[in-house]
Each structure stands twice: as structure tokens, then as C-alpha cells.
């Protein structure tokens, strides 16, 4: 189980306000001392506030508040680096590299406008690294994992949030961008 932060760059990063924490729950199966496979579920909450006319909401004050809920499921692979000949601090941290195949499900709720919810999913890949510090050896660990995600969101190339006039400073051309997550897990082992 874990909590952390999910953030974005690009146009999606400019549009979104992040609302931590990100919640995470997962299961890892160790094949051997160097590799494990995992299944998991994560949830994060974000919002957009658009107060200028855009293609979707051509009113004077735009779409206003849009609540964004993102749920993702993943299948992961971890490769634990052999640190037997390195220093105690590095060996103690159990460093690993990880890769994930992910499905991201996004729901946009228009709080201030009578517009139906916009929902959809997208396939993504995540790569990163992590550290696992033992609390009680072979029983519990504190895990820190940092990932870079590239996701084909259903609304990635939407023109809904483009400004209606060329001189307008609000809105976004599209919602392209990448994702970054940092999550701290408490790991139970048996």
C-alpha cells in the first residue's frame, strides 16, 4: 500500500492542478532474488479551471471547474540490481529498475456547466527505479518508487480547450504531456 504524487508536464501539466495524494495498492510475486512481477491499482485526483471562452464552453467565463479523476491499473516487472560487492548503504537500499504496462482511465466532471462527463481510457508505459529499505528483514519494507510515464490518453489531442479567439491567453491547444509519479509504499512480505 502506498501514497505519493502524480504530476504532468506539457499542456496537460499547464492545465492541471494536482490534488495529492496518489493512492496505490499492489501485489508483487518474486520469481527469484533479482526479478519480480507485479499487479497494481493507483488513483489520483486533479482539476482544471478554465475561465476564458474555449471551443467546448464558449461562454464568457469558460468551462469553470473541471474535476479530473484518474485510475490506472498496471502489470510491472522489477529487476533488482546485484549489490553484493558494493557498500553497505547501497546494499541495504535494495535498488531496482522497473517497467510497467498500464491502462489509464480518466473522468472529467464539469462541475459548473451542464456538460456530460467525459470519460475514456488509454494505454501507457512507465519506466523508473526504486529503493526498498527493510524495516523488519524478510517481513516489511519501506519502498520509494519514481516513474516516468508516457500515456496515450483518450483526450490527448482534443481541441475542446482551444481558445475561441486568437488573442485569448486562456485554454490549451491540446492536452499532450508526460506523467511523473513518486510513491512511497509500505510493503508486507510473506
N, C-alpha and C. Protein backbone atom coordinates (compact mmCIF):
# COMPACT_ATOMS: atom_id res chain seq x y z
N UNK A 1 0.85 -1.18 0.00
CA UNK A 1 0.00 0.00 0.00
C UNK A 1 0.89 1.23 0.00
N UNK A 2 0.43 2.31 -0.66
CA UNK A 2 1.28 3.48 -0.73
C UNK A 2 0.53 4.76 -1.02
N UNK A 3 1.23 5.88 -0.81
CA UNK A 3 0.74 7.20 -1.18
C UNK A 3 1.88 7.96 -1.84
N UNK A 4 1.51 8.95 -2.67
CA UNK A 4 2.54 9.71 -3.36
C UNK A 4 1.99 10.88 -4.12
N UNK A 5 2.66 11.23 -5.22
CA UNK A 5 2.31 12.38 -6.04
C UNK A 5 2.37 12.00 -7.50
N UNK A 6 1.36 12.42 -8.26
CA UNK A 6 1.35 12.27 -9.71
C UNK A 6 1.30 13.66 -10.31
N UNK A 7 2.23 13.96 -11.24
CA UNK A 7 2.27 15.27 -11.87
C UNK A 7 2.49 15.11 -13.37
N UNK A 8 2.27 16.20 -14.11
CA UNK A 8 2.30 16.18 -15.56
C UNK A 8 3.19 17.31 -16.07
N UNK A 9 3.66 17.17 -17.31
CA UNK A 9 4.34 18.26 -17.98
C UNK A 9 3.58 18.60 -19.26
N UNK A 10 4.09 19.49 -20.05
CA UNK A 10 3.44 19.86 -21.31
C UNK A 10 2.14 20.62 -21.07
N UNK A 11 1.25 20.58 -22.07
CA UNK A 11 -0.03 21.28 -21.97
C UNK A 11 -0.90 20.73 -20.85
N UNK A 12 -0.87 19.41 -20.64
CA UNK A 12 -1.65 18.81 -19.56
C UNK A 12 -1.13 19.32 -18.21
N UNK A 13 0.18 19.46 -18.09
CA UNK A 13 0.75 20.00 -16.87
C UNK A 13 0.37 21.45 -16.63
N UNK A 14 0.26 22.24 -17.72
CA UNK A 14 -0.18 23.63 -17.59
C UNK A 14 -1.64 23.73 -17.19
N UNK A 15 -2.45 22.80 -17.67
CA UNK A 15 -3.90 22.84 -17.41
C UNK A 15 -4.26 22.28 -16.04
N UNK A 16 -3.55 21.26 -15.58
CA UNK A 16 -3.95 20.55 -14.37
C UNK A 16 -3.41 21.18 -13.10
N UNK A 17 -4.24 21.14 -12.08
CA UNK A 17 -3.83 21.41 -10.71
C UNK A 17 -3.86 20.06 -10.00
N UNK A 18 -2.76 19.63 -9.42
CA UNK A 18 -2.70 18.31 -8.77
C UNK A 18 -3.25 18.40 -7.35
N UNK A 19 -3.96 17.33 -6.95
CA UNK A 19 -4.51 17.25 -5.60
C UNK A 19 -3.98 15.99 -4.92
N UNK A 20 -2.77 16.06 -4.32
CA UNK A 20 -2.21 14.87 -3.66
C UNK A 20 -3.07 14.45 -2.49
N UNK A 21 -2.97 13.22 -2.05
CA UNK A 21 -2.00 12.22 -2.51
C UNK A 21 -2.57 11.32 -3.61
N UNK A 22 -1.64 10.61 -4.25
CA UNK A 22 -1.98 9.50 -5.13
C UNK A 22 -2.04 8.26 -4.25
N UNK A 23 -3.07 7.44 -4.40
CA UNK A 23 -3.20 6.21 -3.62
C UNK A 23 -2.77 5.03 -4.47
N UNK A 24 -2.13 4.05 -3.84
CA UNK A 24 -1.62 2.90 -4.57
C UNK A 24 -1.77 1.63 -3.75
N UNK A 25 -2.11 0.56 -4.43
CA UNK A 25 -2.11 -0.76 -3.81
C UNK A 25 -1.63 -1.74 -4.88
N UNK A 26 -0.81 -2.70 -4.46
CA UNK A 26 -0.26 -3.64 -5.44
C UNK A 26 0.18 -4.94 -4.81
N UNK A 27 0.49 -5.87 -5.68
CA UNK A 27 0.94 -7.20 -5.28
C UNK A 27 2.14 -7.55 -6.14
N UNK A 28 3.24 -8.01 -5.53
CA UNK A 28 4.44 -8.43 -6.25
C UNK A 28 4.75 -9.89 -5.96
N UNK A 29 5.08 -10.61 -7.00
CA UNK A 29 5.49 -12.01 -6.88
C UNK A 29 6.95 -12.10 -7.29
N UNK A 30 7.79 -12.61 -6.39
CA UNK A 30 9.22 -12.73 -6.68
C UNK A 30 9.51 -14.06 -7.36
N UNK A 31 10.07 -13.97 -8.57
CA UNK A 31 10.47 -15.15 -9.32
C UNK A 31 11.77 -15.71 -8.75
N UNK A 32 12.70 -14.82 -8.44
CA UNK A 32 13.97 -15.18 -7.82
C UNK A 32 14.48 -13.95 -7.07
N UNK A 33 15.75 -13.94 -6.68
CA UNK A 33 16.28 -12.81 -5.92
C UNK A 33 16.43 -11.53 -6.73
N UNK A 34 16.39 -11.65 -8.06
CA UNK A 34 16.64 -10.48 -8.90
C UNK A 34 15.42 -9.97 -9.66
N UNK A 35 14.33 -10.71 -9.71
CA UNK A 35 13.21 -10.25 -10.51
C UNK A 35 11.87 -10.55 -9.85
N UNK A 36 10.92 -9.64 -10.09
CA UNK A 36 9.57 -9.84 -9.59
C UNK A 36 8.57 -9.27 -10.59
N UNK A 37 7.37 -9.79 -10.53
CA UNK A 37 6.27 -9.34 -11.37
C UNK A 37 5.20 -8.76 -10.46
N UNK A 38 4.52 -7.72 -10.91
CA UNK A 38 3.53 -7.09 -10.06
C UNK A 38 2.26 -6.72 -10.78
N UNK A 39 1.18 -6.64 -10.02
CA UNK A 39 -0.11 -6.13 -10.46
C UNK A 39 -0.51 -5.04 -9.49
N UNK A 40 -1.11 -3.97 -9.98
CA UNK A 40 -1.48 -2.92 -9.05
C UNK A 40 -2.55 -1.99 -9.58
N UNK A 41 -2.98 -1.12 -8.68
CA UNK A 41 -4.02 -0.13 -8.95
C UNK A 41 -3.61 1.18 -8.28
N UNK A 42 -3.74 2.28 -9.01
CA UNK A 42 -3.42 3.60 -8.46
C UNK A 42 -4.53 4.58 -8.81
N UNK A 43 -4.70 5.59 -7.96
CA UNK A 43 -5.74 6.59 -8.16
C UNK A 43 -5.19 7.97 -7.80
N UNK A 44 -5.44 8.94 -8.66
CA UNK A 44 -5.05 10.32 -8.36
C UNK A 44 -6.16 11.27 -8.78
N UNK A 45 -6.16 12.44 -8.16
CA UNK A 45 -7.19 13.44 -8.41
C UNK A 45 -6.53 14.74 -8.84
N UNK A 46 -7.12 15.39 -9.84
CA UNK A 46 -6.60 16.63 -10.39
C UNK A 46 -7.79 17.53 -10.73
N UNK A 47 -7.51 18.75 -11.16
CA UNK A 47 -8.59 19.63 -11.61
C UNK A 47 -8.04 20.61 -12.64
N UNK A 48 -8.97 21.16 -13.43
CA UNK A 48 -8.68 22.23 -14.38
C UNK A 48 -9.66 23.36 -14.09
N UNK A 49 -9.20 24.57 -14.24
CA UNK A 49 -10.10 25.72 -14.11
C UNK A 49 -9.91 26.57 -15.35
N UNK A 50 -10.95 26.67 -16.15
CA UNK A 50 -10.88 27.42 -17.41
C UNK A 50 -11.87 28.57 -17.33
N UNK A 51 -11.34 29.78 -17.27
CA UNK A 51 -12.21 30.95 -17.10
C UNK A 51 -12.26 31.86 -18.32
N UNK A 52 -11.84 31.33 -19.47
CA UNK A 52 -11.94 32.08 -20.73
C UNK A 52 -12.70 31.23 -21.74
N UNK A 53 -13.31 31.84 -22.76
CA UNK A 53 -14.06 31.06 -23.75
C UNK A 53 -13.15 30.09 -24.52
N UNK A 54 -13.58 28.83 -24.57
CA UNK A 54 -12.87 27.81 -25.34
C UNK A 54 -13.90 27.11 -26.23
N UNK A 55 -13.46 26.25 -27.14
CA UNK A 55 -14.38 25.63 -28.08
C UNK A 55 -15.49 24.83 -27.41
N UNK A 56 -15.18 24.14 -26.31
CA UNK A 56 -16.19 23.35 -25.61
C UNK A 56 -17.20 24.22 -24.87
N UNK A 57 -16.72 25.28 -24.26
CA UNK A 57 -17.56 26.18 -23.46
C UNK A 57 -17.33 27.60 -23.94
N UNK A 58 -18.19 28.07 -24.84
CA UNK A 58 -17.97 29.38 -25.45
C UNK A 58 -18.58 30.52 -24.63
N UNK A 59 -18.94 30.24 -23.37
CA UNK A 59 -19.45 31.31 -22.51
C UNK A 59 -18.31 32.28 -22.16
N UNK A 60 -18.68 33.45 -21.71
CA UNK A 60 -17.70 34.49 -21.37
C UNK A 60 -16.67 34.00 -20.35
N UNK A 61 -17.13 33.23 -19.35
CA UNK A 61 -16.20 32.77 -18.32
C UNK A 61 -15.82 31.30 -18.46
N UNK A 62 -15.92 30.73 -19.63
CA UNK A 62 -15.40 29.40 -19.95
C UNK A 62 -16.10 28.25 -19.25
N UNK A 63 -15.40 27.15 -19.10
CA UNK A 63 -15.95 25.93 -18.50
C UNK A 63 -15.97 25.98 -16.99
N UNK A 64 -15.20 26.84 -16.41
CA UNK A 64 -15.04 26.92 -14.95
C UNK A 64 -14.34 25.67 -14.42
N UNK A 65 -14.83 25.08 -13.32
CA UNK A 65 -14.14 23.97 -12.66
C UNK A 65 -14.41 22.63 -13.34
N UNK A 66 -13.33 21.92 -13.64
CA UNK A 66 -13.41 20.56 -14.19
C UNK A 66 -12.64 19.65 -13.25
N UNK A 67 -13.34 18.70 -12.66
CA UNK A 67 -12.71 17.75 -11.75
C UNK A 67 -12.22 16.55 -12.56
N UNK A 68 -10.97 16.16 -12.36
CA UNK A 68 -10.35 15.07 -13.13
C UNK A 68 -9.96 13.95 -12.17
N UNK A 69 -10.53 12.76 -12.39
CA UNK A 69 -10.18 11.57 -11.60
C UNK A 69 -9.49 10.58 -12.52
N UNK A 70 -8.34 10.08 -12.09
CA UNK A 70 -7.56 9.16 -12.91
C UNK A 70 -7.30 7.88 -12.12
N UNK A 71 -7.74 6.77 -12.69
CA UNK A 71 -7.48 5.45 -12.12
C UNK A 71 -6.62 4.70 -13.12
N UNK A 72 -5.63 3.99 -12.62
CA UNK A 72 -4.78 3.20 -13.52
C UNK A 72 -4.49 1.83 -12.92
N UNK A 73 -4.47 0.86 -13.80
CA UNK A 73 -4.07 -0.49 -13.43
C UNK A 73 -2.77 -0.77 -14.17
N UNK A 74 -1.97 -1.66 -13.62
CA UNK A 74 -0.68 -1.92 -14.27
C UNK A 74 -0.21 -3.35 -14.03
N UNK A 75 0.63 -3.79 -14.94
CA UNK A 75 1.42 -5.01 -14.80
C UNK A 75 2.86 -4.57 -14.85
N UNK A 76 3.67 -4.97 -13.86
CA UNK A 76 5.04 -4.46 -13.80
C UNK A 76 6.06 -5.59 -13.71
N UNK A 77 7.27 -5.23 -14.09
CA UNK A 77 8.43 -6.11 -13.93
C UNK A 77 9.50 -5.29 -13.21
N UNK A 78 10.12 -5.90 -12.20
CA UNK A 78 11.23 -5.26 -11.48
C UNK A 78 12.47 -6.13 -11.61
N UNK A 79 13.60 -5.46 -11.83
CA UNK A 79 14.89 -6.15 -11.82
C UNK A 79 15.73 -5.54 -10.71
N UNK A 80 16.02 -6.33 -9.69
CA UNK A 80 16.81 -5.89 -8.54
C UNK A 80 18.30 -6.01 -8.88
N UNK A 81 19.02 -4.92 -8.71
CA UNK A 81 20.43 -4.85 -9.08
C UNK A 81 21.26 -5.61 -8.04
N UNK A 82 22.24 -6.39 -8.51
CA UNK A 82 23.12 -7.13 -7.63
C UNK A 82 24.09 -6.16 -6.96
N UNK A 83 23.97 -6.01 -5.66
CA UNK A 83 24.79 -5.04 -4.91
C UNK A 83 25.68 -5.71 -3.89
N UNK A 84 25.94 -7.02 -4.06
CA UNK A 84 26.70 -7.75 -3.05
C UNK A 84 28.12 -7.23 -2.88
N UNK A 85 28.74 -6.70 -3.93
CA UNK A 85 30.12 -6.22 -3.84
C UNK A 85 30.21 -4.71 -3.67
N UNK A 86 29.08 -4.07 -3.36
CA UNK A 86 29.08 -2.62 -3.18
C UNK A 86 28.98 -2.27 -1.69
N UNK A 87 28.95 -1.01 -1.38
CA UNK A 87 28.91 -0.56 0.01
C UNK A 87 27.63 -0.97 0.73
N UNK A 88 27.70 -0.97 2.05
CA UNK A 88 26.58 -1.40 2.89
C UNK A 88 25.34 -0.55 2.64
N UNK A 89 25.49 0.76 2.51
CA UNK A 89 24.33 1.64 2.31
C UNK A 89 23.60 1.31 1.02
N UNK A 90 24.35 1.02 -0.05
CA UNK A 90 23.72 0.68 -1.33
C UNK A 90 23.07 -0.69 -1.24
N UNK A 91 23.74 -1.64 -0.65
CA UNK A 91 23.18 -2.99 -0.49
C UNK A 91 21.92 -2.94 0.36
N UNK A 92 21.93 -2.17 1.40
CA UNK A 92 20.81 -2.06 2.33
C UNK A 92 19.56 -1.48 1.66
N UNK A 93 19.75 -0.65 0.61
CA UNK A 93 18.62 0.03 -0.05
C UNK A 93 17.92 -0.82 -1.10
N UNK A 94 18.47 -1.97 -1.48
CA UNK A 94 17.85 -2.87 -2.48
C UNK A 94 17.37 -2.12 -3.73
N UNK A 95 18.29 -1.49 -4.49
CA UNK A 95 17.86 -0.72 -5.67
C UNK A 95 17.34 -1.64 -6.78
N UNK A 96 16.38 -1.13 -7.56
CA UNK A 96 15.85 -1.90 -8.69
C UNK A 96 15.42 -0.96 -9.81
N UNK A 97 15.35 -1.53 -11.01
CA UNK A 97 14.80 -0.85 -12.19
C UNK A 97 13.44 -1.48 -12.44
N UNK A 98 12.50 -0.69 -12.96
CA UNK A 98 11.16 -1.23 -13.19
C UNK A 98 10.58 -0.73 -14.50
N UNK A 99 9.71 -1.53 -15.06
CA UNK A 99 8.94 -1.17 -16.25
C UNK A 99 7.50 -1.62 -16.05
N UNK A 100 6.56 -0.85 -16.58
CA UNK A 100 5.15 -1.17 -16.39
C UNK A 100 4.37 -0.99 -17.68
N UNK A 101 3.41 -1.86 -17.90
CA UNK A 101 2.38 -1.70 -18.92
C UNK A 101 1.13 -1.27 -18.16
N UNK A 102 0.52 -0.14 -18.58
CA UNK A 102 -0.53 0.47 -17.78
C UNK A 102 -1.77 0.77 -18.61
N UNK A 103 -2.92 0.80 -17.95
CA UNK A 103 -4.15 1.29 -18.55
C UNK A 103 -4.66 2.42 -17.68
N UNK A 104 -4.79 3.62 -18.24
CA UNK A 104 -5.20 4.82 -17.53
C UNK A 104 -6.64 5.14 -17.90
N UNK A 105 -7.51 5.30 -16.90
CA UNK A 105 -8.92 5.64 -17.13
C UNK A 105 -9.17 7.02 -16.52
N UNK A 106 -9.60 7.97 -17.37
CA UNK A 106 -9.76 9.37 -16.97
C UNK A 106 -11.24 9.75 -17.00
N UNK A 107 -11.70 10.45 -15.96
CA UNK A 107 -13.05 11.00 -15.93
C UNK A 107 -12.96 12.50 -15.68
N UNK A 108 -13.49 13.28 -16.61
CA UNK A 108 -13.58 14.74 -16.46
C UNK A 108 -15.02 15.09 -16.09
N UNK A 109 -15.21 15.69 -14.93
CA UNK A 109 -16.55 16.10 -14.47
C UNK A 109 -16.63 17.62 -14.53
N UNK A 110 -17.59 18.13 -15.29
CA UNK A 110 -17.78 19.57 -15.44
C UNK A 110 -18.71 20.04 -14.33
N UNK A 111 -18.15 20.61 -13.29
CA UNK A 111 -18.90 20.98 -12.09
C UNK A 111 -19.81 22.18 -12.30
N UNK A 112 -19.43 23.12 -13.15
CA UNK A 112 -20.17 24.38 -13.27
C UNK A 112 -20.94 24.51 -14.58
N UNK A 113 -20.95 23.49 -15.40
CA UNK A 113 -21.64 23.54 -16.69
C UNK A 113 -22.44 22.26 -16.90
N UNK A 114 -23.58 22.34 -17.60
CA UNK A 114 -24.40 21.14 -17.87
C UNK A 114 -23.84 20.33 -19.03
N UNK A 115 -22.62 19.89 -18.88
CA UNK A 115 -21.94 19.09 -19.91
C UNK A 115 -21.76 17.69 -19.35
N UNK A 116 -22.09 16.64 -20.12
CA UNK A 116 -21.90 15.27 -19.61
C UNK A 116 -20.43 14.98 -19.31
N UNK A 117 -20.21 14.08 -18.36
CA UNK A 117 -18.84 13.68 -18.03
C UNK A 117 -18.13 13.15 -19.26
N UNK A 118 -16.86 13.47 -19.38
CA UNK A 118 -16.02 12.97 -20.47
C UNK A 118 -15.14 11.88 -19.88
N UNK A 119 -15.34 10.63 -20.32
CA UNK A 119 -14.56 9.51 -19.80
C UNK A 119 -13.88 8.76 -20.93
N UNK A 120 -12.77 8.14 -20.61
CA UNK A 120 -12.07 7.34 -21.60
C UNK A 120 -10.78 6.80 -21.03
N UNK A 121 -10.22 5.85 -21.75
CA UNK A 121 -9.00 5.21 -21.29
C UNK A 121 -7.88 5.34 -22.30
N UNK A 122 -6.70 4.96 -21.85
CA UNK A 122 -5.54 4.99 -22.71
C UNK A 122 -4.46 4.06 -22.19
N UNK A 123 -3.71 3.49 -23.11
CA UNK A 123 -2.61 2.59 -22.77
C UNK A 123 -1.36 3.42 -22.53
N UNK A 124 -0.56 3.00 -21.55
CA UNK A 124 0.67 3.71 -21.24
C UNK A 124 1.79 2.78 -20.86
N UNK A 125 2.99 3.33 -20.86
CA UNK A 125 4.19 2.63 -20.41
C UNK A 125 4.84 3.47 -19.33
N UNK A 126 5.35 2.82 -18.32
CA UNK A 126 6.08 3.51 -17.26
C UNK A 126 7.44 2.86 -17.06
N UNK A 127 8.46 3.68 -16.87
CA UNK A 127 9.81 3.18 -16.57
C UNK A 127 10.36 4.01 -15.41
N UNK A 128 11.19 3.37 -14.60
CA UNK A 128 11.77 4.11 -13.49
C UNK A 128 12.64 3.23 -12.62
N UNK A 129 12.81 3.67 -11.39
CA UNK A 129 13.64 2.94 -10.45
C UNK A 129 13.05 3.07 -9.06
N UNK A 130 13.54 2.23 -8.17
CA UNK A 130 13.05 2.26 -6.81
C UNK A 130 14.09 1.78 -5.82
N UNK A 131 13.79 2.00 -4.56
CA UNK A 131 14.63 1.55 -3.45
C UNK A 131 13.71 0.92 -2.41
N UNK A 132 14.17 -0.17 -1.80
CA UNK A 132 13.41 -0.82 -0.73
C UNK A 132 14.29 -0.95 0.50
N UNK A 133 13.89 -0.27 1.56
CA UNK A 133 14.63 -0.29 2.80
C UNK A 133 13.94 -1.23 3.78
N UNK A 134 14.65 -2.24 4.32
CA UNK A 134 14.00 -3.14 5.27
C UNK A 134 13.67 -2.46 6.59
N UNK A 135 12.48 -2.72 7.08
CA UNK A 135 12.08 -2.29 8.42
C UNK A 135 12.30 -3.48 9.35
N UNK A 136 11.72 -4.62 8.99
CA UNK A 136 11.98 -5.90 9.63
C UNK A 136 12.36 -6.85 8.50
N UNK A 137 13.61 -7.32 8.47
CA UNK A 137 14.12 -8.12 7.36
C UNK A 137 13.19 -9.31 7.09
N UNK A 138 12.87 -9.51 5.81
CA UNK A 138 12.00 -10.56 5.30
C UNK A 138 10.54 -10.42 5.73
N UNK A 139 10.17 -9.31 6.38
CA UNK A 139 8.78 -9.13 6.80
C UNK A 139 8.16 -7.84 6.29
N UNK A 140 8.85 -6.70 6.44
CA UNK A 140 8.28 -5.43 5.99
C UNK A 140 9.38 -4.50 5.49
N UNK A 141 9.01 -3.69 4.51
CA UNK A 141 9.95 -2.79 3.85
C UNK A 141 9.28 -1.44 3.60
N UNK A 142 10.10 -0.40 3.48
CA UNK A 142 9.64 0.90 3.03
C UNK A 142 10.19 1.07 1.62
N UNK A 143 9.30 1.29 0.66
CA UNK A 143 9.66 1.34 -0.75
C UNK A 143 9.45 2.74 -1.29
N UNK A 144 10.42 3.25 -2.04
CA UNK A 144 10.30 4.52 -2.74
C UNK A 144 10.46 4.23 -4.22
N UNK A 145 9.45 4.61 -5.02
CA UNK A 145 9.49 4.33 -6.46
C UNK A 145 9.20 5.61 -7.24
N UNK A 146 10.05 5.90 -8.23
CA UNK A 146 9.89 7.07 -9.09
C UNK A 146 9.79 6.60 -10.53
N UNK A 147 8.74 7.07 -11.23
CA UNK A 147 8.46 6.60 -12.58
C UNK A 147 8.20 7.75 -13.55
N UNK A 148 8.57 7.51 -14.79
CA UNK A 148 8.22 8.38 -15.92
C UNK A 148 7.23 7.59 -16.76
N UNK A 149 6.08 8.19 -17.10
CA UNK A 149 5.04 7.51 -17.86
C UNK A 149 4.79 8.24 -19.17
N UNK A 150 4.57 7.49 -20.21
CA UNK A 150 4.07 8.05 -21.46
C UNK A 150 2.75 7.36 -21.72
N UNK A 151 1.69 8.16 -21.91
CA UNK A 151 0.33 7.62 -21.97
C UNK A 151 -0.38 8.18 -23.18
N UNK A 152 -1.11 7.33 -23.87
CA UNK A 152 -1.95 7.77 -24.99
C UNK A 152 -3.36 8.02 -24.45
N UNK A 153 -3.54 9.14 -23.75
CA UNK A 153 -4.84 9.48 -23.19
C UNK A 153 -5.88 9.64 -24.28
N UNK A 154 -7.13 9.33 -23.95
CA UNK A 154 -8.22 9.45 -24.93
C UNK A 154 -8.43 10.89 -25.38
N UNK A 155 -8.08 11.85 -24.53
CA UNK A 155 -8.27 13.27 -24.87
C UNK A 155 -6.94 13.99 -25.12
N UNK A 156 -5.92 13.23 -25.46
CA UNK A 156 -4.58 13.81 -25.64
C UNK A 156 -4.57 14.91 -26.72
N UNK A 157 -5.24 14.68 -27.82
CA UNK A 157 -5.21 15.64 -28.94
C UNK A 157 -6.54 16.38 -29.09
N UNK A 158 -7.28 16.52 -28.00
CA UNK A 158 -8.56 17.22 -28.06
C UNK A 158 -8.36 18.70 -28.38
N UNK A 159 -9.32 19.25 -29.13
CA UNK A 159 -9.29 20.69 -29.41
C UNK A 159 -10.34 21.42 -28.58
N UNK A 160 -11.01 20.70 -27.65
CA UNK A 160 -12.09 21.29 -26.84
C UNK A 160 -11.64 22.49 -26.03
N UNK A 161 -10.40 22.54 -25.62
CA UNK A 161 -9.93 23.60 -24.73
C UNK A 161 -9.11 24.66 -25.45
N UNK A 162 -9.21 24.70 -26.78
CA UNK A 162 -8.55 25.76 -27.54
C UNK A 162 -9.32 27.06 -27.39
N UNK A 163 -8.63 28.19 -27.25
CA UNK A 163 -9.33 29.48 -27.14
C UNK A 163 -10.16 29.76 -28.39
N UNK A 164 -11.31 30.41 -28.21
CA UNK A 164 -12.17 30.71 -29.36
C UNK A 164 -11.66 31.91 -30.14
N UNK A 165 -10.89 32.79 -29.51
CA UNK A 165 -10.33 33.93 -30.24
C UNK A 165 -8.81 33.83 -30.20
N UNK A 166 -8.17 34.32 -31.25
CA UNK A 166 -6.72 34.18 -31.39
C UNK A 166 -5.95 34.99 -30.35
N UNK A 167 -6.52 36.03 -29.80
CA UNK A 167 -5.81 36.85 -28.82
C UNK A 167 -5.99 36.40 -27.38
N UNK A 168 -6.75 35.34 -27.18
CA UNK A 168 -7.04 34.89 -25.82
C UNK A 168 -5.83 34.20 -25.20
N UNK A 169 -5.65 34.43 -23.91
CA UNK A 169 -4.50 33.84 -23.21
C UNK A 169 -4.85 32.54 -22.49
N UNK A 170 -6.14 32.21 -22.38
CA UNK A 170 -6.55 31.00 -21.66
C UNK A 170 -6.67 29.81 -22.59
N UNK A 171 -6.91 28.63 -22.00
CA UNK A 171 -7.10 27.41 -22.77
C UNK A 171 -5.79 26.78 -23.20
N UNK A 172 -5.90 25.63 -23.84
CA UNK A 172 -4.74 24.89 -24.33
C UNK A 172 -5.02 24.32 -25.71
N UNK A 173 -4.00 24.29 -26.53
CA UNK A 173 -4.13 23.75 -27.89
C UNK A 173 -4.56 22.29 -27.86
N UNK A 174 -4.00 21.52 -26.93
CA UNK A 174 -4.36 20.11 -26.73
C UNK A 174 -3.98 19.75 -25.30
N UNK A 175 -4.10 18.48 -24.95
CA UNK A 175 -3.71 18.04 -23.60
C UNK A 175 -2.57 17.03 -23.67
N UNK A 176 -1.58 17.33 -24.50
CA UNK A 176 -0.42 16.45 -24.58
C UNK A 176 0.49 16.69 -23.38
N UNK A 177 1.33 15.73 -23.11
CA UNK A 177 2.27 15.83 -22.00
C UNK A 177 2.56 14.47 -21.42
N UNK A 178 3.60 14.39 -20.62
CA UNK A 178 4.00 13.15 -19.98
C UNK A 178 3.65 13.19 -18.49
N UNK A 179 3.80 12.04 -17.85
CA UNK A 179 3.40 11.92 -16.44
C UNK A 179 4.62 11.50 -15.62
N UNK A 180 4.68 11.99 -14.38
CA UNK A 180 5.73 11.62 -13.44
C UNK A 180 5.05 11.23 -12.13
N UNK A 181 5.51 10.14 -11.54
CA UNK A 181 4.93 9.75 -10.25
C UNK A 181 6.04 9.34 -9.28
N UNK A 182 5.82 9.69 -8.04
CA UNK A 182 6.69 9.29 -6.93
C UNK A 182 5.77 8.75 -5.85
N UNK A 183 5.99 7.50 -5.46
CA UNK A 183 5.12 6.87 -4.49
C UNK A 183 5.95 6.16 -3.43
N UNK A 184 5.54 6.31 -2.18
CA UNK A 184 6.16 5.61 -1.06
C UNK A 184 5.20 4.51 -0.63
N UNK A 185 5.70 3.27 -0.59
CA UNK A 185 4.89 2.11 -0.23
C UNK A 185 5.36 1.52 1.10
N UNK A 186 4.41 1.00 1.83
CA UNK A 186 4.75 0.15 2.97
C UNK A 186 4.49 -1.27 2.48
N UNK A 187 5.53 -2.12 2.48
CA UNK A 187 5.46 -3.44 1.87
C UNK A 187 5.40 -4.50 2.97
N UNK A 188 4.37 -5.36 2.87
CA UNK A 188 4.24 -6.52 3.75
C UNK A 188 4.74 -7.72 2.97
N UNK A 189 5.56 -8.53 3.57
CA UNK A 189 6.15 -9.68 2.88
C UNK A 189 5.77 -10.97 3.60
N UNK A 190 5.48 -12.00 2.84
CA UNK A 190 5.25 -13.31 3.43
C UNK A 190 5.74 -14.41 2.52
